N, C-alpha and C. Protein backbone atom coordinates (compact mmCIF):
# COMPACT_ATOMS: atom_id res chain seq x y z
N MET A 1 -17.79 -5.47 -15.59
CA MET A 1 -17.00 -5.32 -13.89
C MET A 1 -17.05 -3.38 -13.77
N GLU A 2 -17.41 -3.67 -12.14
CA GLU A 2 -17.64 -2.45 -11.14
C GLU A 2 -16.16 -1.45 -11.13
N HIS A 3 -15.60 -2.27 -10.64
CA HIS A 3 -13.88 -1.04 -11.23
C HIS A 3 -13.85 -0.82 -12.47
N THR A 4 -14.29 -1.58 -13.31
CA THR A 4 -13.40 -0.99 -14.68
C THR A 4 -14.06 0.74 -15.36
N LYS A 5 -15.38 0.68 -14.64
CA LYS A 5 -15.99 1.90 -14.76
C LYS A 5 -15.35 2.77 -14.22
N SER A 6 -15.02 2.35 -12.85
CA SER A 6 -14.56 3.83 -11.63
C SER A 6 -13.07 3.92 -12.13
N HIS A 7 -12.65 2.85 -12.89
CA HIS A 7 -10.94 3.63 -13.08
C HIS A 7 -11.28 4.16 -14.62
N GLN A 8 -12.14 3.98 -15.24
CA GLN A 8 -12.49 4.62 -16.14
C GLN A 8 -12.89 6.69 -16.26
N ALA A 9 -13.63 6.26 -14.47
CA ALA A 9 -13.94 7.94 -14.72
C ALA A 9 -12.77 8.52 -13.98
N ALA A 10 -12.00 7.95 -13.61
CA ALA A 10 -10.79 8.19 -12.75
C ALA A 10 -9.99 8.48 -14.03
N ILE A 11 -9.60 7.64 -14.64
CA ILE A 11 -8.37 8.33 -15.76
C ILE A 11 -9.36 9.61 -16.69
N ASP A 12 -10.69 9.72 -16.85
CA ASP A 12 -11.29 10.55 -17.73
C ASP A 12 -10.68 12.23 -16.73
N PHE A 13 -10.70 11.76 -15.35
CA PHE A 13 -10.93 13.00 -14.45
C PHE A 13 -8.92 13.57 -14.43
N LEU A 14 -8.48 12.13 -14.45
CA LEU A 14 -6.82 12.88 -14.62
C LEU A 14 -6.17 13.86 -15.58
N THR A 15 -6.87 12.38 -17.38
CA THR A 15 -6.69 13.67 -18.59
C THR A 15 -6.95 14.93 -17.88
N SER A 16 -8.19 15.13 -17.67
CA SER A 16 -8.88 16.25 -17.86
C SER A 16 -7.51 17.30 -16.94
N LEU A 17 -6.74 17.29 -16.66
CA LEU A 17 -6.06 17.98 -15.03
C LEU A 17 -5.72 18.85 -15.93
N ASP A 18 -3.97 18.24 -16.59
CA ASP A 18 -3.32 19.37 -17.59
C ASP A 18 -2.65 17.69 -18.59
N ALA A 19 -2.05 18.87 -19.56
CA ALA A 19 -1.20 17.91 -20.27
C ALA A 19 -0.04 16.91 -20.51
N ASP A 20 0.21 17.51 -18.68
CA ASP A 20 1.70 16.37 -18.85
C ASP A 20 0.36 15.27 -18.34
N TRP A 21 -0.22 14.79 -17.16
CA TRP A 21 -1.69 13.89 -17.42
C TRP A 21 -2.01 12.68 -18.03
N ALA A 22 -2.32 13.98 -19.30
CA ALA A 22 -2.97 13.70 -20.38
C ALA A 22 -1.96 12.60 -20.95
N ARG A 23 -0.43 13.01 -21.39
CA ARG A 23 0.32 12.11 -21.71
C ARG A 23 1.04 10.87 -21.18
N LEU A 24 0.64 10.96 -20.07
CA LEU A 24 1.48 10.20 -18.39
C LEU A 24 0.79 8.93 -19.12
N ILE A 25 -0.98 9.21 -18.66
CA ILE A 25 -2.00 8.17 -19.40
C ILE A 25 -1.73 7.31 -20.22
N GLU A 26 -1.54 8.61 -21.56
CA GLU A 26 -1.53 7.80 -22.72
C GLU A 26 -0.38 6.75 -23.18
N THR A 27 0.69 7.02 -22.09
CA THR A 27 1.68 6.51 -22.23
C THR A 27 1.84 4.87 -21.57
N VAL A 28 1.53 4.90 -20.52
CA VAL A 28 1.26 3.83 -19.35
C VAL A 28 -0.08 3.06 -20.19
N GLY A 29 -0.87 3.78 -20.54
CA GLY A 29 -2.61 2.59 -20.91
C GLY A 29 -3.54 2.82 -19.76
N PRO A 30 -4.49 1.94 -20.35
CA PRO A 30 -5.43 1.97 -18.79
C PRO A 30 -4.87 1.55 -17.64
N CYS A 31 -5.30 1.90 -16.99
CA CYS A 31 -5.38 1.62 -15.39
C CYS A 31 -5.65 0.10 -15.04
N SER A 32 -4.67 -0.91 -14.91
CA SER A 32 -5.39 -2.14 -14.26
C SER A 32 -5.01 -2.44 -12.76
N PHE A 33 -5.69 -1.44 -11.83
CA PHE A 33 -5.62 -1.11 -10.75
C PHE A 33 -6.62 -3.01 -9.62
N GLU A 34 -5.66 -3.23 -9.14
CA GLU A 34 -6.83 -4.14 -8.29
C GLU A 34 -6.62 -4.36 -7.38
N ALA A 35 -7.46 -4.49 -5.76
CA ALA A 35 -6.80 -5.00 -4.53
C ALA A 35 -7.50 -6.45 -4.73
N LYS A 36 -6.96 -6.80 -3.53
CA LYS A 36 -6.86 -8.04 -2.92
C LYS A 36 -7.89 -7.93 -1.85
N PRO A 37 -9.67 -7.98 -2.23
CA PRO A 37 -10.27 -7.64 -1.07
C PRO A 37 -10.51 -9.13 0.09
N ALA A 38 -9.84 -10.27 -0.27
CA ALA A 38 -10.39 -11.05 0.51
C ALA A 38 -9.30 -11.26 1.56
N ARG A 39 -8.23 -10.43 1.35
CA ARG A 39 -7.46 -10.47 2.60
C ARG A 39 -8.18 -9.67 3.74
N GLU A 40 -8.24 -10.30 5.21
CA GLU A 40 -7.98 -9.31 5.97
C GLU A 40 -7.30 -8.42 6.31
N PRO A 41 -7.18 -7.23 7.21
CA PRO A 41 -6.83 -6.46 7.53
C PRO A 41 -5.21 -6.86 8.57
N TYR A 42 -4.96 -7.81 9.32
CA TYR A 42 -4.09 -8.50 9.60
C TYR A 42 -3.32 -9.03 8.56
N GLU A 43 -4.41 -9.86 8.30
CA GLU A 43 -3.12 -10.58 6.79
C GLU A 43 -1.96 -9.59 6.13
N ALA A 44 -3.22 -8.44 5.49
CA ALA A 44 -2.60 -7.52 4.81
C ALA A 44 -1.71 -6.60 5.94
N LEU A 45 -1.25 -6.85 6.81
CA LEU A 45 -0.76 -6.13 7.96
C LEU A 45 0.67 -6.32 7.76
N ILE A 46 0.45 -7.85 7.84
CA ILE A 46 1.72 -8.68 8.06
C ILE A 46 2.95 -9.03 6.56
N ARG A 47 1.23 -8.60 5.67
CA ARG A 47 2.45 -8.60 3.67
C ARG A 47 3.15 -7.59 3.69
N ALA A 48 2.71 -5.92 4.35
CA ALA A 48 3.37 -5.22 4.22
C ALA A 48 4.37 -5.14 4.92
N VAL A 49 4.27 -5.59 6.22
CA VAL A 49 5.89 -5.37 6.78
C VAL A 49 6.58 -6.22 6.06
N ALA A 50 6.46 -7.64 5.36
CA ALA A 50 7.23 -7.99 5.10
C ALA A 50 8.04 -7.15 4.37
N TYR A 51 7.46 -6.99 3.34
CA TYR A 51 7.94 -6.54 1.89
C TYR A 51 8.53 -4.79 2.49
N GLN A 52 8.24 -4.28 3.61
CA GLN A 52 9.08 -2.79 4.37
C GLN A 52 10.61 -3.06 4.22
N GLN A 53 10.92 -1.88 2.83
CA GLN A 53 12.20 -1.23 1.99
C GLN A 53 13.13 -2.63 1.96
N LEU A 54 11.42 -3.49 1.18
CA LEU A 54 12.66 -4.31 0.69
C LEU A 54 12.56 -4.38 -0.94
N HIS A 55 12.70 -5.08 -2.28
CA HIS A 55 12.55 -4.92 -3.92
C HIS A 55 11.03 -5.83 -3.31
N ALA A 56 10.68 -5.85 -4.21
CA ALA A 56 9.30 -7.22 -4.36
C ALA A 56 9.82 -8.85 -4.26
N LYS A 57 10.98 -8.56 -4.55
CA LYS A 57 11.63 -9.77 -4.83
C LYS A 57 11.98 -11.15 -3.52
N ALA A 58 12.35 -9.80 -2.76
CA ALA A 58 12.32 -10.37 -1.24
C ALA A 58 11.28 -10.76 -0.40
N GLY A 59 10.48 -9.43 0.00
CA GLY A 59 9.50 -10.03 0.16
C GLY A 59 9.05 -11.34 -0.47
N ASP A 60 8.51 -11.44 -1.53
CA ASP A 60 7.60 -12.74 -1.70
C ASP A 60 8.33 -13.90 -1.31
N ALA A 61 9.85 -13.81 -1.11
CA ALA A 61 10.57 -14.66 -0.68
C ALA A 61 10.19 -14.95 0.53
N ILE A 62 10.61 -13.92 0.97
CA ILE A 62 10.20 -14.11 2.74
C ILE A 62 8.28 -14.44 2.64
N ILE A 63 7.67 -13.95 1.69
CA ILE A 63 6.30 -14.55 2.62
C ILE A 63 5.73 -15.95 1.81
N ALA A 64 6.51 -16.28 1.16
CA ALA A 64 6.73 -18.30 0.74
C ALA A 64 7.47 -18.68 1.56
N ARG A 65 8.31 -18.70 2.16
CA ARG A 65 9.22 -19.02 3.53
C ARG A 65 7.86 -18.86 4.30
N LEU A 66 7.13 -18.18 4.94
CA LEU A 66 6.73 -18.52 5.89
C LEU A 66 5.98 -19.49 5.47
N LEU A 67 4.55 -19.07 4.89
CA LEU A 67 3.74 -19.41 3.74
C LEU A 67 4.10 -21.20 4.35
N ASN A 68 5.01 -22.15 4.01
CA ASN A 68 5.63 -23.57 3.91
C ASN A 68 5.67 -23.50 5.57
N ILE A 69 6.24 -22.69 6.27
CA ILE A 69 5.85 -23.45 8.29
C ILE A 69 4.63 -23.69 8.30
N TYR A 70 3.45 -23.02 7.48
CA TYR A 70 2.47 -23.71 8.14
C TYR A 70 1.03 -24.29 6.83
N GLY A 71 1.87 -25.12 6.32
CA GLY A 71 1.18 -25.83 4.98
C GLY A 71 0.92 -24.66 3.94
N ASN A 72 1.87 -24.17 3.21
CA ASN A 72 0.75 -23.26 2.89
C ASN A 72 -0.33 -22.27 2.69
N ALA A 73 0.15 -22.22 4.02
CA ALA A 73 -2.10 -21.14 4.22
C ALA A 73 -1.53 -20.59 4.96
N PHE A 74 -1.84 -18.91 5.34
CA PHE A 74 -1.43 -17.71 6.26
C PHE A 74 -1.87 -18.44 7.11
N PRO A 75 -0.70 -18.22 8.37
CA PRO A 75 -1.69 -18.40 9.81
C PRO A 75 -2.22 -17.21 10.21
N SER A 76 -2.90 -17.78 11.26
CA SER A 76 -3.71 -17.40 12.20
C SER A 76 -3.36 -16.61 13.02
N PRO A 77 -3.39 -15.33 13.97
CA PRO A 77 -3.51 -14.59 14.65
C PRO A 77 -2.29 -14.97 15.67
N THR A 78 -3.00 -16.91 16.30
CA THR A 78 -2.57 -17.20 17.69
C THR A 78 -2.01 -17.98 17.19
N GLN A 79 -2.14 -18.54 15.48
CA GLN A 79 -0.65 -20.14 15.17
C GLN A 79 0.67 -18.45 15.59
N LEU A 80 0.13 -17.53 14.79
CA LEU A 80 1.74 -16.26 14.03
C LEU A 80 2.82 -16.37 15.49
N LEU A 81 1.68 -16.31 17.29
CA LEU A 81 1.80 -15.54 18.36
C LEU A 81 2.39 -16.83 19.15
N ALA A 82 2.08 -17.91 18.41
CA ALA A 82 2.97 -19.56 18.95
C ALA A 82 4.67 -20.14 17.99
N THR A 83 4.68 -19.46 16.97
CA THR A 83 5.24 -19.82 16.44
C THR A 83 6.92 -19.02 16.85
N GLU A 84 7.88 -20.07 16.98
CA GLU A 84 9.20 -19.73 17.52
C GLU A 84 10.39 -18.27 16.76
N PHE A 85 10.48 -17.59 17.72
CA PHE A 85 11.85 -16.86 16.80
C PHE A 85 12.29 -17.08 16.18
N ASP A 86 13.50 -17.15 16.14
CA ASP A 86 14.06 -18.38 14.88
C ASP A 86 13.49 -19.00 14.09
N ALA A 87 12.74 -19.79 14.24
CA ALA A 87 11.64 -20.14 12.88
C ALA A 87 10.91 -18.41 11.84
N LEU A 88 11.04 -17.24 12.37
CA LEU A 88 10.85 -16.78 12.00
C LEU A 88 11.22 -15.50 11.12
N ARG A 89 12.96 -16.17 12.49
CA ARG A 89 13.88 -15.58 11.45
C ARG A 89 14.58 -15.64 10.91
N THR A 90 13.87 -16.85 10.17
CA THR A 90 14.76 -17.93 9.12
C THR A 90 13.76 -17.60 7.83
N CYS A 91 13.25 -17.11 8.18
CA CYS A 91 12.22 -16.49 7.00
C CYS A 91 12.16 -15.68 6.21
N GLY A 92 13.58 -15.21 7.53
CA GLY A 92 14.10 -13.59 6.61
C GLY A 92 13.21 -12.39 7.56
N PHE A 93 12.88 -12.28 8.41
CA PHE A 93 12.27 -10.97 9.10
C PHE A 93 13.41 -10.85 10.40
N SER A 94 13.57 -9.56 9.87
CA SER A 94 14.34 -9.04 11.04
C SER A 94 13.39 -9.09 12.32
N ALA A 95 14.58 -8.69 13.37
CA ALA A 95 14.26 -9.16 15.09
C ALA A 95 12.98 -7.91 15.14
N ARG A 96 13.28 -6.62 14.22
CA ARG A 96 12.91 -5.30 14.79
C ARG A 96 10.84 -6.29 14.28
N LYS A 97 11.11 -6.71 12.73
CA LYS A 97 9.81 -7.43 12.35
C LYS A 97 8.99 -8.02 12.07
N ILE A 98 9.64 -8.70 13.37
CA ILE A 98 9.29 -9.98 14.44
C ILE A 98 8.39 -9.93 15.32
N GLU A 99 9.54 -8.85 16.04
CA GLU A 99 8.33 -8.04 16.70
C GLU A 99 7.41 -7.18 16.39
N THR A 100 7.31 -6.30 15.70
CA THR A 100 5.99 -5.90 14.48
C THR A 100 4.95 -7.34 14.20
N ILE A 101 5.43 -7.39 13.56
CA ILE A 101 4.00 -8.52 13.81
C ILE A 101 3.85 -9.33 14.36
N HIS A 102 4.54 -9.76 15.51
CA HIS A 102 3.89 -10.25 16.94
C HIS A 102 2.76 -9.08 17.02
N GLY A 103 3.18 -8.30 17.35
CA GLY A 103 2.09 -7.08 17.46
C GLY A 103 1.13 -6.63 16.72
N ILE A 104 1.01 -7.29 15.63
CA ILE A 104 -0.51 -7.11 14.67
C ILE A 104 -0.69 -8.83 14.94
N ALA A 105 -0.47 -9.21 15.24
CA ALA A 105 -0.98 -10.43 15.54
C ALA A 105 -1.97 -10.65 16.96
N ALA A 106 -1.50 -10.12 17.79
CA ALA A 106 -1.94 -9.82 19.41
C ALA A 106 -3.01 -8.67 19.14
N GLY A 107 -2.51 -7.47 17.86
CA GLY A 107 -3.59 -6.86 18.06
C GLY A 107 -5.02 -7.07 16.66
N ALA A 108 -4.53 -8.38 17.14
CA ALA A 108 -6.26 -9.16 15.88
C ALA A 108 -6.67 -9.40 17.27
N VAL A 109 -5.91 -10.43 17.72
CA VAL A 109 -6.14 -11.08 18.94
C VAL A 109 -6.58 -10.27 19.87
N SER A 110 -6.85 -9.21 20.00
CA SER A 110 -7.62 -8.58 21.35
C SER A 110 -8.52 -7.50 20.03
N GLY A 111 -8.71 -7.72 19.10
CA GLY A 111 -10.02 -6.65 18.46
C GLY A 111 -9.14 -5.33 17.88
N LEU A 112 -8.28 -5.28 18.31
CA LEU A 112 -7.20 -4.21 17.92
C LEU A 112 -7.19 -3.50 16.38
N VAL A 113 -6.53 -4.54 15.78
CA VAL A 113 -6.70 -4.24 14.56
C VAL A 113 -7.97 -5.19 13.97
N PRO A 114 -9.20 -4.33 13.08
CA PRO A 114 -10.11 -4.71 13.13
C PRO A 114 -10.44 -6.19 11.54
N SER A 115 -11.50 -6.32 12.02
CA SER A 115 -11.93 -7.27 10.75
C SER A 115 -12.16 -6.71 9.75
N ARG A 116 -11.76 -7.46 8.44
CA ARG A 116 -12.63 -6.54 7.37
C ARG A 116 -13.54 -5.54 7.57
N ASN A 117 -15.13 -6.51 7.60
CA ASN A 117 -16.15 -5.97 8.04
C ASN A 117 -15.72 -4.52 8.86
N ASP A 118 -15.40 -5.02 9.67
CA ASP A 118 -15.02 -3.89 10.58
C ASP A 118 -14.41 -2.47 10.03
N ALA A 119 -13.80 -3.23 9.12
CA ALA A 119 -12.41 -1.75 8.71
C ALA A 119 -13.14 -1.14 7.56
N GLU A 120 -14.21 -1.73 6.49
CA GLU A 120 -14.79 -1.86 6.02
C GLU A 120 -16.01 -0.15 5.76
N ALA A 121 -16.67 0.03 7.26
CA ALA A 121 -17.60 0.49 8.24
C ALA A 121 -16.41 1.56 8.50
N MET A 122 -14.96 2.30 8.56
CA MET A 122 -13.92 2.65 9.59
C MET A 122 -13.61 3.84 8.44
N ALA A 123 -13.44 5.03 8.39
CA ALA A 123 -13.51 6.57 7.53
C ALA A 123 -11.78 6.40 7.32
N ASP A 124 -11.09 6.34 6.11
CA ASP A 124 -9.51 6.30 6.48
C ASP A 124 -8.96 6.59 7.10
N GLU A 125 -8.42 8.16 7.82
CA GLU A 125 -7.79 8.84 8.82
C GLU A 125 -8.28 7.86 10.31
N ASP A 126 -9.86 7.40 10.37
CA ASP A 126 -9.51 6.76 11.64
C ASP A 126 -8.48 5.23 11.85
N LEU A 127 -8.87 4.99 10.41
CA LEU A 127 -8.25 3.29 10.63
C LEU A 127 -6.61 4.11 10.75
N ILE A 128 -6.06 5.16 10.06
CA ILE A 128 -4.74 4.70 10.37
C ILE A 128 -4.44 4.98 11.77
N GLU A 129 -5.11 6.43 11.90
CA GLU A 129 -5.26 6.72 13.81
C GLU A 129 -5.00 5.52 14.79
N ARG A 130 -5.80 4.67 14.58
CA ARG A 130 -6.04 3.57 15.05
C ARG A 130 -4.88 2.19 14.47
N LEU A 131 -4.55 2.10 13.69
CA LEU A 131 -3.13 0.57 13.58
C LEU A 131 -2.30 1.90 13.59
N VAL A 132 -2.37 2.68 13.42
CA VAL A 132 -0.21 3.11 13.86
C VAL A 132 0.00 3.56 15.24
N THR A 133 -1.13 2.94 16.11
CA THR A 133 -0.35 2.78 17.48
C THR A 133 -0.06 1.58 18.03
N LEU A 134 0.06 0.46 16.77
CA LEU A 134 0.76 -0.59 16.97
C LEU A 134 2.42 0.20 16.71
N LYS A 135 3.38 -1.11 16.96
CA LYS A 135 4.68 -0.41 17.24
C LYS A 135 4.71 -1.26 15.92
N GLY A 136 5.89 -0.04 14.45
CA GLY A 136 6.19 -0.61 14.04
C GLY A 136 5.23 -0.28 12.71
N ILE A 137 4.43 0.13 12.92
CA ILE A 137 2.83 -0.14 12.33
C ILE A 137 3.29 1.88 11.62
N GLY A 138 3.77 2.46 10.15
CA GLY A 138 3.51 3.48 10.21
C GLY A 138 2.27 3.72 9.51
N ARG A 139 2.28 5.70 8.92
CA ARG A 139 1.22 5.43 8.17
C ARG A 139 0.91 5.05 6.70
N TRP A 140 2.22 4.77 5.59
CA TRP A 140 2.74 3.85 4.85
C TRP A 140 2.02 2.72 4.63
N THR A 141 2.42 1.81 5.63
CA THR A 141 1.67 0.49 6.15
C THR A 141 0.59 0.37 5.51
N VAL A 142 -0.85 1.57 6.75
CA VAL A 142 -2.09 1.40 6.55
C VAL A 142 -2.08 1.98 5.11
N GLU A 143 -1.64 2.50 4.35
CA GLU A 143 -2.35 3.43 3.39
C GLU A 143 -1.69 1.88 2.90
N MET A 144 -1.15 1.08 2.28
CA MET A 144 -0.55 0.61 1.73
C MET A 144 -2.62 -0.49 1.56
N LEU A 145 -2.55 -0.97 3.02
CA LEU A 145 -4.09 -1.64 3.58
C LEU A 145 -4.66 -1.28 3.05
N LEU A 146 -5.13 0.91 3.11
CA LEU A 146 -6.18 1.48 1.91
C LEU A 146 -6.62 1.12 1.25
N ILE A 147 -5.47 1.39 0.83
CA ILE A 147 -5.28 0.91 -1.14
C ILE A 147 -5.68 -0.66 -1.52
N PHE A 148 -4.54 -1.73 -1.45
CA PHE A 148 -4.38 -2.63 -1.77
C PHE A 148 -5.54 -3.72 -0.89
N THR A 149 -6.19 -3.61 0.06
CA THR A 149 -7.10 -4.35 0.67
C THR A 149 -8.08 -3.86 0.20
N LEU A 150 -8.75 -3.03 1.32
CA LEU A 150 -10.05 -1.87 1.07
C LEU A 150 -10.24 -1.15 0.01
N ALA A 151 -9.04 -1.02 -1.36
CA ALA A 151 -9.62 -0.55 -2.47
C ALA A 151 -10.09 0.83 -2.29
N ARG A 152 -9.57 1.14 -1.11
CA ARG A 152 -10.06 2.86 -0.93
C ARG A 152 -9.59 3.62 -2.49
N MET A 153 -10.35 4.72 -2.98
CA MET A 153 -10.36 5.35 -4.13
C MET A 153 -9.13 6.69 -3.90
N ASP A 154 -8.80 7.22 -3.28
CA ASP A 154 -8.24 8.70 -2.52
C ASP A 154 -7.53 8.50 -1.83
N ILE A 155 -6.35 7.71 -1.89
CA ILE A 155 -5.18 7.73 -1.50
C ILE A 155 -4.26 8.19 -2.30
N LEU A 156 -3.26 8.69 -1.25
CA LEU A 156 -2.10 9.50 -1.39
C LEU A 156 -1.49 9.19 -0.60
N PRO A 157 -0.26 7.99 -1.15
CA PRO A 157 0.97 7.17 0.42
C PRO A 157 2.22 9.06 0.11
N ALA A 158 2.42 9.56 1.06
CA ALA A 158 2.71 11.30 0.38
C ALA A 158 4.11 10.57 0.42
N ASP A 159 4.44 9.92 1.56
CA ASP A 159 6.08 9.28 1.87
C ASP A 159 6.40 8.44 1.09
N ASP A 160 5.82 7.89 0.04
CA ASP A 160 6.51 6.91 -0.98
C ASP A 160 7.09 6.83 -1.54
N PHE A 161 7.97 6.60 -2.01
CA PHE A 161 9.83 6.98 -3.23
C PHE A 161 8.85 7.08 -4.19
N GLY A 162 8.35 5.54 -4.44
CA GLY A 162 7.64 5.67 -6.18
C GLY A 162 6.75 7.12 -6.78
N VAL A 163 5.65 7.15 -5.83
CA VAL A 163 4.67 8.17 -5.57
C VAL A 163 5.53 9.61 -6.19
N VAL A 164 6.62 10.01 -5.00
CA VAL A 164 6.99 11.40 -5.03
C VAL A 164 8.58 11.43 -6.21
N GLU A 165 8.87 10.54 -6.64
CA GLU A 165 9.52 10.63 -7.64
C GLU A 165 9.18 10.07 -9.36
N GLY A 166 8.00 9.70 -8.94
CA GLY A 166 6.64 9.48 -10.21
C GLY A 166 6.67 10.78 -10.75
N PHE A 167 6.35 12.11 -9.59
CA PHE A 167 5.67 13.12 -9.96
C PHE A 167 6.63 13.87 -10.29
N ARG A 168 7.77 14.23 -9.72
CA ARG A 168 9.47 14.85 -9.62
C ARG A 168 9.52 14.28 -11.61
N ARG A 169 9.42 13.07 -11.70
CA ARG A 169 9.61 12.55 -13.42
C ARG A 169 8.49 13.13 -13.81
N LEU A 170 7.10 13.43 -14.02
CA LEU A 170 5.89 13.47 -14.68
C LEU A 170 6.52 15.23 -15.01
N LYS A 171 7.15 15.86 -13.72
CA LYS A 171 7.55 17.80 -14.09
C LYS A 171 8.21 18.14 -14.28
N LYS A 172 9.18 17.28 -14.32
CA LYS A 172 10.07 17.54 -15.21
C LYS A 172 10.85 18.75 -13.86
N LEU A 173 10.88 18.15 -12.51
CA LEU A 173 11.75 18.80 -10.83
C LEU A 173 13.18 18.56 -11.52
N ASP A 174 13.64 18.97 -10.16
CA ASP A 174 14.87 18.98 -10.29
C ASP A 174 14.78 17.68 -8.83
N VAL A 175 13.79 18.34 -8.15
CA VAL A 175 13.98 18.38 -7.32
C VAL A 175 12.30 17.44 -6.35
N ALA A 176 12.42 16.41 -6.08
CA ALA A 176 11.44 15.18 -6.43
C ALA A 176 10.32 16.79 -4.47
N PRO A 177 9.63 16.99 -5.11
CA PRO A 177 8.64 17.21 -3.50
C PRO A 177 7.97 16.94 -1.66
N LYS A 178 8.71 17.44 -0.90
CA LYS A 178 8.60 16.95 0.49
C LYS A 178 6.79 16.20 0.80
N ARG A 179 6.52 15.62 1.64
CA ARG A 179 5.57 15.08 1.48
C ARG A 179 4.33 15.97 2.14
N LYS A 180 4.86 17.07 2.71
CA LYS A 180 3.86 18.69 2.75
C LYS A 180 3.33 19.15 1.74
N GLU A 181 4.40 18.83 1.05
CA GLU A 181 4.08 19.61 -0.54
C GLU A 181 3.13 18.83 -1.41
N ILE A 182 3.61 16.83 -1.61
CA ILE A 182 2.96 16.54 -2.43
C ILE A 182 1.49 15.92 -1.68
N THR A 183 0.76 16.43 -0.97
CA THR A 183 0.30 16.36 -0.59
C THR A 183 -1.25 17.88 -0.47
N GLU A 184 -0.84 18.82 -0.53
CA GLU A 184 -0.97 19.78 -1.17
C GLU A 184 -1.04 20.18 -2.54
N ILE A 185 0.01 19.35 -3.24
CA ILE A 185 -0.21 19.39 -4.93
C ILE A 185 -1.50 18.30 -5.35
N GLY A 186 -1.87 16.98 -5.05
CA GLY A 186 -2.43 16.54 -4.85
C GLY A 186 -4.08 16.12 -4.55
N LYS A 187 -4.45 17.16 -3.75
CA LYS A 187 -5.99 17.96 -3.39
C LYS A 187 -6.22 17.49 -4.72
N ALA A 188 -5.79 18.33 -5.64
CA ALA A 188 -5.95 17.97 -7.06
C ALA A 188 -6.53 16.96 -7.72
N TRP A 189 -6.19 15.91 -6.90
CA TRP A 189 -6.37 14.56 -7.93
C TRP A 189 -7.63 13.25 -6.89
N SER A 190 -8.09 14.41 -5.83
CA SER A 190 -9.54 13.87 -4.87
C SER A 190 -10.10 14.25 -6.42
N PRO A 191 -11.55 12.64 -6.16
CA PRO A 191 -11.37 12.08 -5.06
C PRO A 191 -11.02 10.58 -6.05
N TYR A 192 -9.92 10.74 -7.02
CA TYR A 192 -9.18 9.50 -7.15
C TYR A 192 -7.80 9.87 -7.04
N ARG A 193 -7.17 10.01 -5.44
CA ARG A 193 -5.60 9.82 -5.54
C ARG A 193 -5.47 8.64 -5.70
N THR A 194 -6.51 7.00 -5.48
CA THR A 194 -5.00 6.30 -5.48
C THR A 194 -4.69 5.57 -7.24
N ILE A 195 -5.55 6.17 -7.85
CA ILE A 195 -5.46 6.30 -9.38
C ILE A 195 -4.52 7.00 -10.26
N ALA A 196 -4.41 8.03 -9.57
CA ALA A 196 -3.04 8.81 -9.52
C ALA A 196 -1.77 8.56 -9.21
N SER A 197 -1.83 6.99 -8.37
CA SER A 197 -0.60 6.88 -7.33
C SER A 197 0.09 6.10 -8.07
N TRP A 198 -1.66 5.14 -8.44
CA TRP A 198 -1.19 4.05 -9.64
C TRP A 198 -0.10 4.67 -10.98
N TYR A 199 -1.07 6.03 -11.54
CA TYR A 199 0.08 6.15 -12.51
C TYR A 199 1.54 6.90 -11.60
N LEU A 200 1.47 7.05 -11.18
CA LEU A 200 3.19 7.56 -10.88
C LEU A 200 4.05 6.94 -9.85
N TRP A 201 2.85 5.37 -9.81
CA TRP A 201 4.76 4.11 -10.18
C TRP A 201 4.80 3.84 -11.11
N ARG A 202 4.54 3.90 -11.60
CA ARG A 202 4.56 3.74 -13.21
C ARG A 202 5.37 4.83 -14.21
N VAL A 203 5.20 5.98 -14.40
CA VAL A 203 6.11 6.60 -14.67
C VAL A 203 7.67 5.92 -14.85
N PRO A 204 7.58 6.53 -16.69
CA PRO A 204 9.22 5.08 -16.63
C PRO A 204 10.38 6.37 -16.26
N LYS A 205 11.76 5.27 -15.99
CA LYS A 205 12.53 6.03 -15.20
C LYS A 205 13.01 6.98 -16.00
N GLN A 206 12.71 6.76 -17.77
CA GLN A 206 13.75 7.90 -18.18
C GLN A 206 12.47 8.59 -18.66
N TYR A 207 11.38 8.82 -18.39
CA TYR A 207 10.01 9.50 -18.70
C TYR A 207 10.54 10.91 -18.76
N ASN A 208 9.93 11.32 -20.63
CA ASN A 208 10.31 13.05 -21.08
C ASN A 208 9.31 13.71 -20.84
N GLY A 209 7.39 13.22 -21.18
CA GLY A 209 6.80 13.29 -21.89
C GLY A 209 6.42 14.04 -22.74
N GLN A 210 6.94 13.82 -23.72
CA GLN A 210 7.16 14.57 -25.16
C GLN A 210 5.90 13.93 -26.02
């Protein structure tokens, strides 16, 4: 499959960066990153909001309860806008998140949130600039869309705790780098910053890189 070939090219590139990267890739093993290309940006953004600041299991439960309202299908933007606040609250969304997902749904209706086909034609930064105008949507959320829905290969979520903490462990640093530092450091991982992030998310907690 095509993505496997691109993953191998990324692995070869990252392995060649230095001994730390080579050891990490050997420890973690082959990259199994896979996007969810069937999802529309609207759905991907709603899902990302559900998981914001929560553990995966909690996010899973919120999404399961949301789907249950609509017969286990993902709601259309108009369905979501028509859903009572209390019903969404029962799913586990906070009041702030309900405001955000309503804004996303309204954006999908107005065309501010592009269709998948339109999003495919947009540059990374153009899509980020457009979608962060939605209340409650920051750069990280759009970067998750770019990585996990649009399968962009050169995204570095510099605000992501797992990425910066993974890098700290990889390089045995006392303090994790700040956003500006990791952005600068990450330039060396281009054009495969998505795959680099995937590996950094998987640096073992007690990793010593020996």
